[in-house]
C-alpha atoms as a PDB file:
ATOM      1  CA  MET A   1      -6.260  30.262  31.726  1.00  0.00           C
ATOM      2  CA  LYS A   2      -9.199  32.703  31.625  1.00  0.00           C
ATOM      3  CA  SER A   3      -7.908  34.250  28.387  1.00  0.00           C
ATOM      4  CA  HIS A   4      -7.744  30.799  26.756  1.00  0.00           C
ATOM      5  CA  LEU A   5     -11.303  30.044  27.840  1.00  0.00           C
ATOM      6  CA  ALA A   6     -12.461  33.380  26.489  1.00  0.00           C
ATOM      7  CA  LYS A   7     -10.820  32.739  23.122  1.00  0.00           C
ATOM      8  CA  PHE A   8     -12.398  29.279  22.975  1.00  0.00           C
ATOM      9  CA  ALA A   9     -15.836  30.738  23.769  1.00  0.00           C
ATOM     10  CA  VAL A  10     -15.486  33.363  21.015  1.00  0.00           C
ATOM     11  CA  LEU A  11     -14.398  30.717  18.499  1.00  0.00           C
ATOM     12  CA  ALA A  12     -17.291  28.419  19.437  1.00  0.00           C
ATOM     13  CA  LEU A  13     -19.770  31.301  19.139  1.00  0.00           C
ATOM     14  CA  ALA A  14     -18.413  32.172  15.688  1.00  0.00           C
ATOM     15  CA  VAL A  15     -18.792  28.585  14.487  1.00  0.00           C
ATOM     16  CA  ILE A  16     -22.381  28.415  15.770  1.00  0.00           C
ATOM     17  CA  THR A  17     -23.203  31.762  14.168  1.00  0.00           C
ATOM     18  CA  VAL A  18     -21.871  30.725  10.748  1.00  0.00           C
ATOM     19  CA  ALA A  19     -23.683  27.392  10.889  1.00  0.00           C
ATOM     20  CA  SER A  20     -26.949  29.067  11.914  1.00  0.00           C
ATOM     21  CA  ALA A  21     -26.682  31.617   9.126  1.00  0.00           C
ATOM     22  CA  SER A  22     -26.073  28.881   6.584  1.00  0.00           C
ATOM     23  CA  LEU A  23     -29.150  26.958   7.710  1.00  0.00           C
ATOM     24  CA  ALA A  24     -31.238  30.128   7.746  1.00  0.00           C
ATOM     25  CA  GLN A  25     -30.317  30.732   4.098  1.00  0.00           C
ATOM     26  CA  GLY A  26     -31.509  27.284   3.123  1.00  0.00           C
ATOM     27  CA  GLY A  27     -28.233  25.433   3.639  1.00  0.00           C
ATOM     28  CA  GLN A  28     -28.340  21.835   4.800  1.00  0.00           C
ATOM     29  CA  PRO A  29     -25.953  20.114   7.170  1.00  0.00           C
ATOM     30  CA  PRO A  30     -23.692  17.589   5.385  1.00  0.00           C
ATOM     31  CA  ALA A  31     -25.186  14.150   5.044  1.00  0.00           C
ATOM     32  CA  PRO A  32     -23.449  11.507   7.137  1.00  0.00           C
ATOM     33  CA  THR A  33     -21.041   9.309   5.214  1.00  0.00           C
ATOM     34  CA  ALA A  34     -22.433   5.852   4.576  1.00  0.00           C
ATOM     35  CA  PRO A  35     -20.488   3.159   6.437  1.00  0.00           C
ATOM     36  CA  THR A  36     -18.217   0.959   4.369  1.00  0.00           C
ATOM     37  CA  THR A  37     -19.767  -2.438   3.767  1.00  0.00           C
ATOM     38  CA  PRO A  38     -17.658  -5.583   4.221  1.00  0.00           C
ATOM     39  CA  ALA A  39     -17.607  -6.151   0.457  1.00  0.00           C
ATOM     40  CA  GLU A  40     -16.327  -2.612  -0.162  1.00  0.00           C
ATOM     41  CA  GLY A  41     -13.698  -2.930   2.564  1.00  0.00           C
ATOM     42  CA  LYS A  42     -12.389  -6.127   1.037  1.00  0.00           C
ATOM     43  CA  ALA A  43     -12.335  -4.632  -2.460  1.00  0.00           C
ATOM     44  CA  GLU A  44     -10.632  -1.451  -1.256  1.00  0.00           C
ATOM     45  CA  SER A  45      -7.910  -3.431   0.482  1.00  0.00           C
ATOM     46  CA  LEU A  46      -7.309  -5.542  -2.622  1.00  0.00           C
ATOM     47  CA  ARG A  47      -7.128  -2.427  -4.819  1.00  0.00           C
ATOM     48  CA  ASN A  48      -4.569  -0.879  -2.459  1.00  0.00           C
ATOM     49  CA  PHE A  49      -2.505  -4.036  -2.410  1.00  0.00           C
ATOM     50  CA  SER A  50      -2.677  -4.564  -6.169  1.00  0.00           C
ATOM     51  CA  ASP A  51      -1.631  -0.978  -6.901  1.00  0.00           C
ATOM     52  CA  ALA A  52       1.565  -1.342  -4.880  1.00  0.00           C
ATOM     53  CA  ALA A  53       2.320  -4.950  -5.832  1.00  0.00           C
ATOM     54  CA  ASP A  54       1.924  -4.353  -9.567  1.00  0.00           C
ATOM     55  CA  LYS A  55       4.201  -1.323  -9.374  1.00  0.00           C
ATOM     56  CA  ILE A  56       6.849  -3.278  -7.474  1.00  0.00           C
ATOM     57  CA  ILE A  57       6.819  -5.927 -10.201  1.00  0.00           C
ATOM     58  CA  ARG A  58       7.228  -3.260 -12.882  1.00  0.00           C
ATOM     59  CA  LEU A  59      10.074  -1.699 -10.911  1.00  0.00           C
ATOM     60  CA  ALA A  60      11.743  -5.097 -10.492  1.00  0.00           C
ATOM     61  CA  GLU A  61      11.520  -5.562 -14.261  1.00  0.00           C
ATOM     62  CA  ALA A  62      13.012  -2.116 -14.897  1.00  0.00           C
ATOM     63  CA  MET A  63      15.969  -2.529 -12.521  1.00  0.00           C
ATOM     64  CA  PRO A  64      19.088  -3.800 -14.340  1.00  0.00           C
ATOM     65  CA  ALA A  65      20.273  -7.247 -13.300  1.00  0.00           C
ATOM     66  CA  ASP A  66      23.639  -5.883 -12.160  1.00  0.00           C
ATOM     67  CA  LYS A  67      21.871  -3.636  -9.620  1.00  0.00           C
ATOM     68  CA  TYR A  68      20.144  -6.493  -7.805  1.00  0.00           C
ATOM     69  CA  THR A  69      23.030  -6.926  -5.355  1.00  0.00           C
ATOM     70  CA  TRP A  70      23.328  -3.193  -4.665  1.00  0.00           C
ATOM     71  CA  ARG A  71      22.487  -1.935  -1.191  1.00  0.00           C
ATOM     72  CA  PRO A  72      22.656   1.633   0.186  1.00  0.00           C
ATOM     73  CA  GLY A  73      24.773   0.617   3.160  1.00  0.00           C
ATOM     74  CA  GLU A  74      26.055  -2.223   5.289  1.00  0.00           C
ATOM     75  CA  GLY A  75      23.321  -4.099   7.121  1.00  0.00           C
ATOM     76  CA  VAL A  76      20.567  -2.758   4.853  1.00  0.00           C
ATOM     77  CA  ARG A  77      18.588  -4.939   2.448  1.00  0.00           C
ATOM     78  CA  SER A  78      19.852  -5.112  -1.117  1.00  0.00           C
ATOM     79  CA  VAL A  79      17.599  -4.549  -4.138  1.00  0.00           C
ATOM     80  CA  SER A  80      16.908  -8.278  -4.522  1.00  0.00           C
ATOM     81  CA  GLU A  81      16.346  -8.685  -0.783  1.00  0.00           C
ATOM     82  CA  VAL A  82      13.689  -5.957  -0.760  1.00  0.00           C
ATOM     83  CA  PHE A  83      11.801  -7.616  -3.627  1.00  0.00           C
ATOM     84  CA  LEU A  84      12.038 -11.008  -1.940  1.00  0.00           C
ATOM     85  CA  HIS A  85      10.968  -9.514   1.396  1.00  0.00           C
ATOM     86  CA  VAL A  86       7.810  -8.284  -0.338  1.00  0.00           C
ATOM     87  CA  ALA A  87       7.305 -11.791  -1.739  1.00  0.00           C
ATOM     88  CA  HIS A  88       7.768 -13.230   1.740  1.00  0.00           C
ATOM     89  CA  GLY A  89       5.003 -10.952   3.033  1.00  0.00           C
ATOM     90  CA  CYS A  90       2.716 -11.967   0.196  1.00  0.00           C
ATOM     91  CA  TYR A  91       3.091 -15.588   1.238  1.00  0.00           C
ATOM     92  CA  ASN A  92       3.313 -15.242   5.003  1.00  0.00           C
ATOM     93  CA  ILE A  93       0.690 -12.618   5.894  1.00  0.00           C
ATOM     94  CA  PRO A  94      -2.279 -14.319   4.134  1.00  0.00           C
ATOM     95  CA  ARG A  95      -1.758 -17.332   6.401  1.00  0.00           C
ATOM     96  CA  ARG A  96      -3.212 -15.157   9.176  1.00  0.00           C
ATOM     97  CA  PHE A  97      -6.486 -14.795   7.300  1.00  0.00           C
ATOM     98  CA  GLY A  98      -6.798 -18.417   6.325  1.00  0.00           C
ATOM     99  CA  THR A  99      -4.801 -19.038   3.133  1.00  0.00           C
ATOM    100  CA  ALA A 100      -2.214 -21.788   3.405  1.00  0.00           C
ATOM    101  CA  LEU A 101       1.145 -21.667   1.656  1.00  0.00           C
ATOM    102  CA  PRO A 102       1.314 -23.260  -1.792  1.00  0.00           C
ATOM    103  CA  ALA A 103       2.864 -26.708  -2.006  1.00  0.00           C
ATOM    104  CA  GLY A 104       6.651 -26.515  -2.034  1.00  0.00           C
ATOM    105  CA  VAL A 105       6.839 -22.941  -0.639  1.00  0.00           C
ATOM    106  CA  THR A 106       8.408 -22.260   2.751  1.00  0.00           C
ATOM    107  CA  VAL A 107       8.837 -18.888   4.457  1.00  0.00           C
ATOM    108  CA  ALA A 108      11.707 -19.743   6.767  1.00  0.00           C
ATOM    109  CA  GLN A 109      14.341 -17.240   7.817  1.00  0.00           C
ATOM    110  CA  GLY A 110      16.607 -16.364   4.901  1.00  0.00           C
ATOM    111  CA  PHE A 111      13.788 -16.297   2.350  1.00  0.00           C
ATOM    112  CA  ASP A 112      14.988 -12.901   1.096  1.00  0.00           C
ATOM    113  CA  LYS A 113      18.520 -14.208   0.540  1.00  0.00           C
ATOM    114  CA  GLN A 114      17.666 -17.254  -1.558  1.00  0.00           C
ATOM    115  CA  THR A 115      18.878 -15.657  -4.797  1.00  0.00           C
ATOM    116  CA  ALA A 116      20.010 -12.361  -6.270  1.00  0.00           C
ATOM    117  CA  GLU A 117      19.471 -13.358  -9.907  1.00  0.00           C
ATOM    118  CA  LYS A 118      16.969 -11.014 -11.530  1.00  0.00           C
ATOM    119  CA  GLU A 119      14.946 -13.635 -13.401  1.00  0.00           C
ATOM    120  CA  LYS A 120      14.639 -15.884 -10.368  1.00  0.00           C
ATOM    121  CA  VAL A 121      13.689 -12.983  -8.102  1.00  0.00           C
ATOM    122  CA  LEU A 122      11.026 -11.909 -10.592  1.00  0.00           C
ATOM    123  CA  GLU A 123       9.671 -15.438 -10.776  1.00  0.00           C
ATOM    124  CA  VAL A 124       9.320 -15.647  -6.985  1.00  0.00           C
ATOM    125  CA  LEU A 125       7.867 -12.134  -6.701  1.00  0.00           C
ATOM    126  CA  LYS A 126       5.240 -12.623  -9.407  1.00  0.00           C
ATOM    127  CA  ALA A 127       4.134 -15.972  -7.993  1.00  0.00           C
ATOM    128  CA  ALA A 128       3.871 -14.503  -4.489  1.00  0.00           C
ATOM    129  CA  VAL A 129       1.808 -11.516  -5.643  1.00  0.00           C
ATOM    130  CA  ALA A 130      -0.557 -13.807  -7.569  1.00  0.00           C
ATOM    131  CA  HIS A 131      -0.909 -15.948  -4.435  1.00  0.00           C
ATOM    132  CA  ALA A 132      -1.761 -12.925  -2.282  1.00  0.00           C
ATOM    133  CA  LYS A 133      -4.353 -11.634  -4.749  1.00  0.00           C
ATOM    134  CA  ALA A 134      -6.030 -15.028  -4.755  1.00  0.00           C
ATOM    135  CA  ALA A 135      -5.912 -15.044  -0.949  1.00  0.00           C
ATOM    136  CA  TYR A 136      -8.014 -11.886  -0.811  1.00  0.00           C
ATOM    137  CA  GLY A 137     -10.625 -13.618  -2.937  1.00  0.00           C
ATOM    138  CA  ASN A 138     -10.602 -16.667  -0.683  1.00  0.00           C
ATOM    139  CA  VAL A 139     -11.908 -14.706   2.303  1.00  0.00           C
ATOM    140  CA  ALA A 140     -15.691 -14.749   2.625  1.00  0.00           C
ATOM    141  CA  GLU A 141     -17.307 -11.433   3.512  1.00  0.00           C
ATOM    142  CA  ALA A 142     -18.857 -13.070   6.561  1.00  0.00           C
ATOM    143  CA  ASP A 143     -15.362 -13.924   7.839  1.00  0.00           C
ATOM    144  CA  LEU A 144     -13.854 -10.418   7.760  1.00  0.00           C
ATOM    145  CA  ASP A 145     -14.551  -9.916  11.458  1.00  0.00           C
ATOM    146  CA  LYS A 146     -12.888 -13.178  12.441  1.00  0.00           C
ATOM    147  CA  THR A 147      -9.617 -12.693  14.285  1.00  0.00           C
ATOM    148  CA  ALA A 148      -6.157 -14.209  14.291  1.00  0.00           C
ATOM    149  CA  PRO A 149      -3.102 -13.778  16.560  1.00  0.00           C
ATOM    150  CA  TRP A 150      -1.199 -10.613  15.676  1.00  0.00           C
ATOM    151  CA  PHE A 151       1.809  -8.555  16.689  1.00  0.00           C
ATOM    152  CA  GLY A 152       2.054  -7.553  20.319  1.00  0.00           C
ATOM    153  CA  GLY A 153       0.137 -10.580  21.515  1.00  0.00           C
ATOM    154  CA  ARG A 154      -3.218  -9.182  20.486  1.00  0.00           C
ATOM    155  CA  ALA A 155      -5.807 -10.418  18.013  1.00  0.00           C
ATOM    156  CA  ALA A 156      -6.516  -8.655  14.719  1.00  0.00           C
ATOM    157  CA  SER A 157      -9.490  -9.022  12.412  1.00  0.00           C
ATOM    158  CA  PHE A 158      -9.019 -10.538   8.989  1.00  0.00           C
ATOM    159  CA  ARG A 159      -9.990  -7.114   7.626  1.00  0.00           C
ATOM    160  CA  GLU A 160      -7.153  -5.395   9.497  1.00  0.00           C
ATOM    161  CA  ILE A 161      -4.629  -7.993   8.406  1.00  0.00           C
ATOM    162  CA  MET A 162      -5.686  -7.607   4.775  1.00  0.00           C
ATOM    163  CA  PHE A 163      -5.187  -3.856   5.000  1.00  0.00           C
ATOM    164  CA  PHE A 164      -1.841  -4.430   6.708  1.00  0.00           C
ATOM    165  CA  LEU A 165      -0.658  -6.509   3.746  1.00  0.00           C
ATOM    166  CA  ALA A 166      -1.535  -3.605   1.459  1.00  0.00           C
ATOM    167  CA  SER A 167       0.256  -1.052   3.651  1.00  0.00           C
ATOM    168  CA  HIS A 168       3.310  -3.315   4.052  1.00  0.00           C
ATOM    169  CA  THR A 169       3.573  -3.599   0.266  1.00  0.00           C
ATOM    170  CA  HIS A 170       3.242   0.170  -0.165  1.00  0.00           C
ATOM    171  CA  GLU A 171       5.960   0.712   2.443  1.00  0.00           C
ATOM    172  CA  HIS A 172       8.446  -1.350   0.457  1.00  0.00           C
ATOM    173  CA  LEU A 173       7.291   0.131  -2.831  1.00  0.00           C
ATOM    174  CA  GLY A 174       8.509   3.469  -1.474  1.00  0.00           C
ATOM    175  CA  GLN A 175      11.797   1.871  -0.463  1.00  0.00           C
ATOM    176  CA  SER A 176      12.166   0.308  -3.918  1.00  0.00           C
ATOM    177  CA  ILE A 177      11.474   3.638  -5.623  1.00  0.00           C
ATOM    178  CA  ALA A 178      14.243   5.252  -3.554  1.00  0.00           C
ATOM    179  CA  TYR A 179      16.618   2.423  -4.530  1.00  0.00           C
ATOM    180  CA  ALA A 180      15.707   2.819  -8.194  1.00  0.00           C
ATOM    181  CA  ARG A 181      16.233   6.591  -8.113  1.00  0.00           C
ATOM    182  CA  MET A 182      19.650   6.137  -6.509  1.00  0.00           C
ATOM    183  CA  ALA A 183      20.482   3.680  -9.292  1.00  0.00           C
ATOM    184  CA  GLY A 184      19.397   6.201 -11.938  1.00  0.00           C
ATOM    185  CA  ILE A 185      16.167   4.382 -12.821  1.00  0.00           C
ATOM    186  CA  THR A 186      12.935   6.322 -13.293  1.00  0.00           C
ATOM    187  CA  PRO A 187       9.868   4.331 -12.197  1.00  0.00           C
ATOM    188  CA  PRO A 188       8.059   3.191 -15.366  1.00  0.00           C
ATOM    189  CA  TRP A 189       4.721   4.800 -14.432  1.00  0.00           C
ATOM    190  CA  THR A 190       6.480   8.135 -13.808  1.00  0.00           C
ATOM    191  CA  GLU A 191       8.240   7.917 -17.149  1.00  0.00           C
ATOM    192  CA  GLU A 192       4.910   7.194 -18.859  1.00  0.00           C
ATOM    193  CA  ALA A 193       3.295  10.212 -17.202  1.00  0.00           C
ATOM    194  CA  GLN A 194       6.201  12.414 -18.311  1.00  0.00           C
ATOM    195  CA  GLN A 195       5.871  11.142 -21.877  1.00  0.00           C
ATOM    196  CA  ARG A 196       2.154  11.958 -21.894  1.00  0.00           C
ATOM    197  CA  GLN A 197       2.951  15.465 -20.704  1.00  0.00           C
ATOM    198  CA  ARG A 198       5.528  15.941 -23.440  1.00  0.00           C
ATOM    199  CA  GLN A 199       3.032  14.773 -26.061  1.00  0.00           C
ATOM    200  CA  GLN A 200       0.391  17.285 -25.026  1.00  0.00           C
ATOM    201  CA  PRO A 201       0.229  20.355 -27.278  1.00  0.00           C
ATOM    202  CA  ALA A 202       1.771  23.453 -25.729  1.00  0.00           C
ATOM    203  CA  LYS A 203      -0.807  25.866 -24.343  1.00  0.00           C
ATOM    204  CA  ASN A 204      -0.871  29.327 -25.850  1.00  0.00           C
ATOM    205  CA  PRO A 205      -0.595  31.767 -22.933  1.00  0.00           C
ATOM    206  CA  GLY A 206      -2.515  34.333 -25.003  1.00  0.00           C
ATOM    207  CA  ASN A 207      -5.679  32.201 -25.145  1.00  0.00           C
END
């Protein structure tokens, strides 16, 4: 115990010494990070959501129609079911921060099994993503600290729920990428990056 305390004391003294020397030589302590304003928090959440949602749509477009019923194992969501599960989240989660479902849309159990046809899945997915993006815009900055019932019987702020929608979409983007790779499909944005690399002139190691 004493040896651990001694090591901690030496480490603390070293940190203080380095910091003091830096200040003595004219160094300045780092400025505190400015707090995120409500407007920035809302915009950041929307950017995170849009990045994942737009990629999922592109991946859904790239996946061949005959792969939409494929699943990696029994009891696991198929390709179409993953895309429709994302759509379900895009409709269902915004209800918690005040955006009602569009007319004619229900999010009952079995939503992700309504169809496995590529064109129909894409239609549902694109409409759901557009709905979710609009839902972000519907939330006033003054309402971000309002709360709604959430998992575990607790309340969550609108801000937290908006970030959850983004993280939920990213989670299933990762799942969709794994499905695509197993089906032999390279994500379109990865393929584009590889093409840009191939088009760059080779560097001369002698330069």
